[in-house]
Amino acid sequence: MKKGVLALLLAGFAWGEVDWATSYERGLAQAKEEQKLVMVMFSKESCKACAYMKKEVFERPQVARYLDEHYVAIEVDIHDYPKTMGYKVIGTPTFYFLAPDGTTLGSALVGKAPEKLFLDELRAVKASYIKH
């Protein structure tokens, strides 16, 4: 019995982290190859809302699982990205959602959101993409 409970706990931890792409370019290539949507999070090291999203939202098993199954997650530091990327970053975090071919879906989201609201947004973006 104890081994079964431990296995369930360990399985839950396996979904507790988002698998972030190692770079913007690699993330776009991965999304195209795997036919997944893209979530780009523009952040900066001193951003408290970014830290909240990483710790309180993206480490939640339900969010991490949904992201990894349907999206390629990319984090871009606003100090590192070239302005020519074409994104308007008003504040951090700023989220953009992209189709597998890199076209922007919907509007940017700015700021932090609780787990349920963010998960609802991920699902809504996916549902709107499927309808196209």
N, C-alpha and C. Protein backbone atom coordinates (compact mmCIF):
# COMPACT_ATOMS: atom_id res chain seq x y z
N MET A 1 0.82 -1.20 0.00
CA MET A 1 0.00 0.00 0.00
C MET A 1 0.86 1.26 0.00
N LYS A 2 1.91 1.27 0.84
CA LYS A 2 2.77 2.45 0.93
C LYS A 2 3.48 2.71 -0.40
N LYS A 3 3.89 1.64 -1.09
CA LYS A 3 4.56 1.81 -2.38
C LYS A 3 3.62 2.43 -3.41
N GLY A 4 2.34 2.05 -3.38
CA GLY A 4 1.36 2.60 -4.31
C GLY A 4 1.14 4.09 -4.08
N VAL A 5 1.05 4.49 -2.83
CA VAL A 5 0.87 5.91 -2.50
C VAL A 5 2.11 6.69 -2.92
N LEU A 6 3.29 6.15 -2.65
CA LEU A 6 4.53 6.82 -3.04
C LEU A 6 4.62 6.98 -4.56
N ALA A 7 4.22 5.96 -5.29
CA ALA A 7 4.23 6.03 -6.75
C ALA A 7 3.29 7.13 -7.25
N LEU A 8 2.11 7.24 -6.64
CA LEU A 8 1.17 8.29 -7.03
C LEU A 8 1.73 9.68 -6.72
N LEU A 9 2.36 9.83 -5.57
CA LEU A 9 2.97 11.11 -5.22
C LEU A 9 4.07 11.48 -6.20
N LEU A 10 4.93 10.52 -6.52
CA LEU A 10 6.02 10.79 -7.46
C LEU A 10 5.49 11.11 -8.85
N ALA A 11 4.44 10.46 -9.25
CA ALA A 11 3.84 10.74 -10.56
C ALA A 11 3.31 12.17 -10.60
N GLY A 12 2.74 12.62 -9.50
CA GLY A 12 2.25 14.00 -9.42
C GLY A 12 3.38 15.00 -9.53
N PHE A 13 4.53 14.71 -8.92
CA PHE A 13 5.67 15.62 -9.01
C PHE A 13 6.23 15.69 -10.42
N ALA A 14 6.11 14.62 -11.17
CA ALA A 14 6.63 14.62 -12.53
C ALA A 14 5.95 15.67 -13.40
N TRP A 15 4.71 16.02 -13.06
CA TRP A 15 3.98 17.02 -13.83
C TRP A 15 4.02 18.39 -13.18
N GLY A 16 4.89 18.59 -12.20
CA GLY A 16 4.91 19.83 -11.47
C GLY A 16 5.81 20.90 -12.05
N GLU A 17 6.38 20.65 -13.21
CA GLU A 17 7.26 21.64 -13.82
C GLU A 17 6.97 21.74 -15.31
N VAL A 18 7.02 22.95 -15.80
CA VAL A 18 6.86 23.19 -17.22
C VAL A 18 8.20 22.90 -17.91
N ASP A 19 8.15 22.27 -19.05
CA ASP A 19 9.36 21.98 -19.83
C ASP A 19 9.61 23.18 -20.76
N TRP A 20 10.38 24.16 -20.30
CA TRP A 20 10.64 25.38 -21.06
C TRP A 20 11.61 25.10 -22.20
N ALA A 21 11.35 25.68 -23.36
CA ALA A 21 12.27 25.58 -24.50
C ALA A 21 13.57 26.30 -24.14
N THR A 22 14.66 25.86 -24.71
CA THR A 22 15.96 26.45 -24.38
C THR A 22 16.22 27.79 -25.06
N SER A 23 15.45 28.09 -26.09
CA SER A 23 15.56 29.40 -26.74
C SER A 23 14.29 29.67 -27.54
N TYR A 24 14.11 30.91 -27.92
CA TYR A 24 12.94 31.30 -28.72
C TYR A 24 12.93 30.53 -30.04
N GLU A 25 14.05 30.52 -30.72
CA GLU A 25 14.14 29.86 -32.02
C GLU A 25 13.88 28.36 -31.91
N ARG A 26 14.48 27.73 -30.92
CA ARG A 26 14.28 26.29 -30.73
C ARG A 26 12.83 25.98 -30.35
N GLY A 27 12.24 26.85 -29.57
CA GLY A 27 10.84 26.66 -29.19
C GLY A 27 9.91 26.71 -30.38
N LEU A 28 10.14 27.69 -31.27
CA LEU A 28 9.31 27.78 -32.48
C LEU A 28 9.51 26.56 -33.37
N ALA A 29 10.74 26.10 -33.50
CA ALA A 29 11.01 24.91 -34.32
C ALA A 29 10.34 23.68 -33.71
N GLN A 30 10.41 23.55 -32.40
CA GLN A 30 9.78 22.42 -31.70
C GLN A 30 8.27 22.45 -31.90
N ALA A 31 7.67 23.63 -31.77
CA ALA A 31 6.22 23.76 -31.93
C ALA A 31 5.79 23.35 -33.34
N LYS A 32 6.55 23.78 -34.31
CA LYS A 32 6.22 23.43 -35.70
C LYS A 32 6.34 21.92 -35.92
N GLU A 33 7.41 21.34 -35.39
CA GLU A 33 7.64 19.90 -35.54
C GLU A 33 6.57 19.08 -34.83
N GLU A 34 6.20 19.50 -33.62
CA GLU A 34 5.24 18.74 -32.81
C GLU A 34 3.80 19.19 -33.01
N GLN A 35 3.59 20.23 -33.85
CA GLN A 35 2.27 20.80 -34.09
C GLN A 35 1.58 21.19 -32.78
N LYS A 36 2.32 21.93 -31.95
CA LYS A 36 1.80 22.45 -30.70
C LYS A 36 1.71 23.96 -30.79
N LEU A 37 0.87 24.53 -29.96
CA LEU A 37 0.80 25.97 -29.83
C LEU A 37 2.02 26.45 -29.04
N VAL A 38 2.23 27.75 -29.02
CA VAL A 38 3.37 28.33 -28.32
C VAL A 38 2.87 29.35 -27.30
N MET A 39 3.46 29.32 -26.11
CA MET A 39 3.23 30.36 -25.13
C MET A 39 4.58 31.04 -24.90
N VAL A 40 4.65 32.33 -25.24
CA VAL A 40 5.88 33.09 -25.00
C VAL A 40 5.63 33.98 -23.80
N MET A 41 6.50 33.86 -22.81
CA MET A 41 6.42 34.71 -21.62
C MET A 41 7.62 35.64 -21.61
N PHE A 42 7.35 36.94 -21.75
CA PHE A 42 8.40 37.94 -21.65
C PHE A 42 8.51 38.32 -20.18
N SER A 43 9.73 38.23 -19.65
CA SER A 43 9.92 38.45 -18.22
C SER A 43 11.23 39.20 -17.98
N LYS A 44 11.51 39.44 -16.71
CA LYS A 44 12.81 39.96 -16.30
C LYS A 44 13.09 39.43 -14.91
N GLU A 45 14.35 39.38 -14.56
CA GLU A 45 14.76 38.76 -13.31
C GLU A 45 14.13 39.39 -12.07
N SER A 46 13.96 40.69 -12.05
CA SER A 46 13.45 41.37 -10.87
C SER A 46 11.92 41.43 -10.80
N CYS A 47 11.24 40.76 -11.70
CA CYS A 47 9.78 40.82 -11.80
C CYS A 47 9.12 39.88 -10.77
N LYS A 48 8.44 40.47 -9.80
CA LYS A 48 7.76 39.68 -8.77
C LYS A 48 6.57 38.92 -9.34
N ALA A 49 5.86 39.52 -10.29
CA ALA A 49 4.72 38.83 -10.91
C ALA A 49 5.20 37.64 -11.74
N CYS A 50 6.37 37.76 -12.36
CA CYS A 50 6.94 36.64 -13.12
C CYS A 50 7.29 35.49 -12.18
N ALA A 51 7.90 35.84 -11.03
CA ALA A 51 8.24 34.82 -10.04
C ALA A 51 6.97 34.14 -9.53
N TYR A 52 5.92 34.90 -9.31
CA TYR A 52 4.63 34.33 -8.89
C TYR A 52 4.13 33.33 -9.94
N MET A 53 4.16 33.71 -11.20
CA MET A 53 3.67 32.82 -12.25
C MET A 53 4.49 31.54 -12.29
N LYS A 54 5.80 31.66 -12.19
CA LYS A 54 6.66 30.47 -12.24
C LYS A 54 6.43 29.55 -11.05
N LYS A 55 6.30 30.12 -9.86
CA LYS A 55 6.20 29.32 -8.64
C LYS A 55 4.76 28.91 -8.31
N GLU A 56 3.83 29.82 -8.44
CA GLU A 56 2.47 29.56 -7.99
C GLU A 56 1.52 29.06 -9.08
N VAL A 57 1.89 29.24 -10.33
CA VAL A 57 1.00 28.82 -11.42
C VAL A 57 1.64 27.70 -12.25
N PHE A 58 2.83 27.93 -12.78
CA PHE A 58 3.44 26.96 -13.68
C PHE A 58 3.92 25.69 -12.98
N GLU A 59 4.09 25.72 -11.67
CA GLU A 59 4.48 24.50 -10.96
C GLU A 59 3.27 23.69 -10.51
N ARG A 60 2.08 24.19 -10.73
CA ARG A 60 0.87 23.43 -10.40
C ARG A 60 0.73 22.29 -11.41
N PRO A 61 0.50 21.07 -10.92
CA PRO A 61 0.45 19.92 -11.83
C PRO A 61 -0.52 20.08 -12.99
N GLN A 62 -1.71 20.61 -12.74
CA GLN A 62 -2.70 20.72 -13.80
C GLN A 62 -2.25 21.69 -14.89
N VAL A 63 -1.64 22.80 -14.51
CA VAL A 63 -1.16 23.79 -15.48
C VAL A 63 0.04 23.25 -16.23
N ALA A 64 1.00 22.68 -15.50
CA ALA A 64 2.21 22.14 -16.13
C ALA A 64 1.85 21.04 -17.13
N ARG A 65 0.94 20.17 -16.74
CA ARG A 65 0.53 19.07 -17.63
C ARG A 65 -0.13 19.62 -18.89
N TYR A 66 -1.05 20.58 -18.73
CA TYR A 66 -1.75 21.13 -19.89
C TYR A 66 -0.78 21.85 -20.82
N LEU A 67 0.10 22.64 -20.25
CA LEU A 67 1.10 23.33 -21.08
C LEU A 67 1.95 22.33 -21.86
N ASP A 68 2.49 21.34 -21.16
CA ASP A 68 3.38 20.39 -21.82
C ASP A 68 2.68 19.53 -22.87
N GLU A 69 1.39 19.29 -22.69
CA GLU A 69 0.65 18.49 -23.67
C GLU A 69 0.27 19.29 -24.91
N HIS A 70 -0.01 20.59 -24.76
CA HIS A 70 -0.59 21.36 -25.86
C HIS A 70 0.25 22.55 -26.34
N TYR A 71 1.26 22.93 -25.57
CA TYR A 71 2.04 24.12 -25.89
C TYR A 71 3.53 23.84 -25.78
N VAL A 72 4.30 24.67 -26.45
CA VAL A 72 5.73 24.78 -26.20
C VAL A 72 5.88 26.10 -25.45
N ALA A 73 6.44 26.04 -24.25
CA ALA A 73 6.60 27.23 -23.42
C ALA A 73 7.99 27.83 -23.65
N ILE A 74 8.00 29.14 -23.90
CA ILE A 74 9.25 29.85 -24.13
C ILE A 74 9.28 31.06 -23.20
N GLU A 75 10.39 31.22 -22.49
CA GLU A 75 10.57 32.41 -21.67
C GLU A 75 11.66 33.26 -22.30
N VAL A 76 11.37 34.55 -22.46
CA VAL A 76 12.33 35.47 -23.06
C VAL A 76 12.54 36.63 -22.10
N ASP A 77 13.78 36.87 -21.70
CA ASP A 77 14.09 38.01 -20.85
C ASP A 77 14.01 39.27 -21.69
N ILE A 78 13.30 40.28 -21.20
CA ILE A 78 13.10 41.49 -21.99
C ILE A 78 14.41 42.23 -22.26
N HIS A 79 15.43 41.95 -21.48
CA HIS A 79 16.73 42.59 -21.70
C HIS A 79 17.53 41.89 -22.79
N ASP A 80 17.12 40.66 -23.14
CA ASP A 80 17.86 39.87 -24.13
C ASP A 80 17.22 39.85 -25.51
N TYR A 81 15.92 40.09 -25.59
CA TYR A 81 15.27 39.93 -26.89
C TYR A 81 15.45 41.17 -27.75
N PRO A 82 15.67 40.95 -29.03
CA PRO A 82 15.80 42.12 -29.91
C PRO A 82 14.44 42.76 -30.18
N LYS A 83 14.41 44.05 -30.21
CA LYS A 83 13.16 44.79 -30.44
C LYS A 83 12.53 44.40 -31.78
N THR A 84 13.34 43.89 -32.69
CA THR A 84 12.84 43.53 -34.02
C THR A 84 12.00 42.26 -34.02
N MET A 85 11.86 41.61 -32.86
CA MET A 85 11.02 40.41 -32.82
C MET A 85 9.57 40.77 -33.11
N GLY A 86 9.21 42.03 -32.92
CA GLY A 86 7.87 42.47 -33.28
C GLY A 86 6.83 42.39 -32.19
N TYR A 87 7.20 42.04 -30.99
CA TYR A 87 6.24 41.96 -29.90
C TYR A 87 6.24 43.28 -29.13
N LYS A 88 5.06 43.66 -28.67
CA LYS A 88 4.94 44.85 -27.84
C LYS A 88 4.86 44.37 -26.40
N VAL A 89 5.86 44.71 -25.63
CA VAL A 89 5.92 44.29 -24.23
C VAL A 89 5.71 45.53 -23.37
N ILE A 90 4.53 45.60 -22.76
CA ILE A 90 4.15 46.76 -21.96
C ILE A 90 4.70 46.63 -20.54
N GLY A 91 4.63 45.46 -20.01
CA GLY A 91 5.11 45.18 -18.66
C GLY A 91 5.44 43.71 -18.57
N THR A 92 5.90 43.29 -17.40
CA THR A 92 6.24 41.88 -17.24
C THR A 92 5.41 41.28 -16.12
N PRO A 93 4.99 40.04 -16.30
CA PRO A 93 5.15 39.26 -17.52
C PRO A 93 4.15 39.67 -18.60
N THR A 94 4.55 39.53 -19.83
CA THR A 94 3.65 39.67 -20.97
C THR A 94 3.64 38.32 -21.69
N PHE A 95 2.45 37.82 -21.96
CA PHE A 95 2.30 36.52 -22.62
C PHE A 95 1.74 36.71 -24.02
N TYR A 96 2.34 36.01 -24.97
CA TYR A 96 1.80 35.91 -26.32
C TYR A 96 1.57 34.44 -26.61
N PHE A 97 0.52 34.16 -27.35
CA PHE A 97 0.20 32.80 -27.75
C PHE A 97 0.28 32.73 -29.26
N LEU A 98 0.95 31.69 -29.76
CA LEU A 98 1.20 31.56 -31.19
C LEU A 98 0.72 30.21 -31.70
N ALA A 99 0.36 30.20 -32.98
CA ALA A 99 0.06 28.95 -33.68
C ALA A 99 1.40 28.24 -33.95
N PRO A 100 1.36 26.97 -34.33
CA PRO A 100 2.60 26.26 -34.63
C PRO A 100 3.45 26.93 -35.72
N ASP A 101 2.82 27.69 -36.61
CA ASP A 101 3.58 28.37 -37.66
C ASP A 101 4.13 29.72 -37.21
N GLY A 102 3.88 30.10 -35.94
CA GLY A 102 4.43 31.34 -35.40
C GLY A 102 3.52 32.55 -35.47
N THR A 103 2.33 32.41 -36.06
CA THR A 103 1.42 33.56 -36.11
C THR A 103 0.76 33.77 -34.74
N THR A 104 0.56 35.02 -34.40
CA THR A 104 0.00 35.38 -33.10
C THR A 104 -1.49 35.04 -33.04
N LEU A 105 -1.90 34.48 -31.91
CA LEU A 105 -3.29 34.14 -31.66
C LEU A 105 -3.83 35.08 -30.58
N GLY A 106 -4.86 35.81 -30.88
CA GLY A 106 -5.48 36.68 -29.89
C GLY A 106 -4.60 37.84 -29.47
N SER A 107 -4.88 38.37 -28.30
CA SER A 107 -4.17 39.52 -27.77
C SER A 107 -3.17 39.08 -26.72
N ALA A 108 -2.21 39.94 -26.46
CA ALA A 108 -1.24 39.68 -25.39
C ALA A 108 -1.93 39.79 -24.04
N LEU A 109 -1.43 39.03 -23.09
CA LEU A 109 -1.87 39.13 -21.70
C LEU A 109 -0.72 39.73 -20.90
N VAL A 110 -1.05 40.67 -20.04
CA VAL A 110 -0.01 41.32 -19.24
C VAL A 110 -0.33 41.13 -17.77
N GLY A 111 0.67 40.71 -17.00
CA GLY A 111 0.52 40.57 -15.56
C GLY A 111 0.30 39.14 -15.12
N LYS A 112 0.14 38.99 -13.82
CA LYS A 112 -0.04 37.66 -13.25
C LYS A 112 -1.52 37.30 -13.20
N ALA A 113 -1.76 36.00 -13.09
CA ALA A 113 -3.14 35.50 -12.98
C ALA A 113 -3.12 34.26 -12.10
N PRO A 114 -4.18 34.03 -11.36
CA PRO A 114 -4.26 32.81 -10.56
C PRO A 114 -4.33 31.58 -11.48
N GLU A 115 -4.01 30.45 -10.89
CA GLU A 115 -3.95 29.19 -11.64
C GLU A 115 -5.18 28.93 -12.50
N LYS A 116 -6.36 29.00 -11.93
CA LYS A 116 -7.58 28.67 -12.68
C LYS A 116 -7.81 29.62 -13.85
N LEU A 117 -7.63 30.90 -13.64
CA LEU A 117 -7.83 31.86 -14.73
C LEU A 117 -6.81 31.65 -15.85
N PHE A 118 -5.57 31.38 -15.48
CA PHE A 118 -4.56 31.17 -16.52
C PHE A 118 -4.83 29.89 -17.29
N LEU A 119 -5.20 28.84 -16.59
CA LEU A 119 -5.53 27.58 -17.25
C LEU A 119 -6.73 27.76 -18.17
N ASP A 120 -7.72 28.51 -17.72
CA ASP A 120 -8.88 28.81 -18.57
C ASP A 120 -8.45 29.54 -19.84
N GLU A 121 -7.50 30.47 -19.70
CA GLU A 121 -7.00 31.21 -20.87
C GLU A 121 -6.27 30.27 -21.83
N LEU A 122 -5.45 29.39 -21.31
CA LEU A 122 -4.75 28.42 -22.16
C LEU A 122 -5.75 27.57 -22.94
N ARG A 123 -6.79 27.14 -22.27
CA ARG A 123 -7.82 26.31 -22.92
C ARG A 123 -8.58 27.12 -23.97
N ALA A 124 -8.88 28.39 -23.67
CA ALA A 124 -9.62 29.24 -24.61
C ALA A 124 -8.79 29.51 -25.86
N VAL A 125 -7.51 29.76 -25.70
CA VAL A 125 -6.64 29.98 -26.87
C VAL A 125 -6.60 28.73 -27.72
N LYS A 126 -6.45 27.58 -27.09
CA LYS A 126 -6.42 26.31 -27.84
C LYS A 126 -7.74 26.09 -28.57
N ALA A 127 -8.85 26.31 -27.89
CA ALA A 127 -10.17 26.12 -28.50
C ALA A 127 -10.37 27.06 -29.68
N SER A 128 -9.93 28.31 -29.56
CA SER A 128 -10.09 29.26 -30.67
C SER A 128 -9.21 28.87 -31.85
N TYR A 129 -8.05 28.28 -31.58
CA TYR A 129 -7.18 27.84 -32.67
C TYR A 129 -7.78 26.66 -33.41
N ILE A 130 -8.37 25.74 -32.69
CA ILE A 130 -8.96 24.54 -33.30
C ILE A 130 -10.11 24.91 -34.21
N LYS A 131 -10.85 25.98 -33.88
CA LYS A 131 -12.00 26.40 -34.69
C LYS A 131 -11.58 26.97 -36.04
N HIS A 132 -10.32 27.37 -36.19
CA HIS A 132 -9.87 27.95 -37.47
C HIS A 132 -9.67 26.92 -38.50
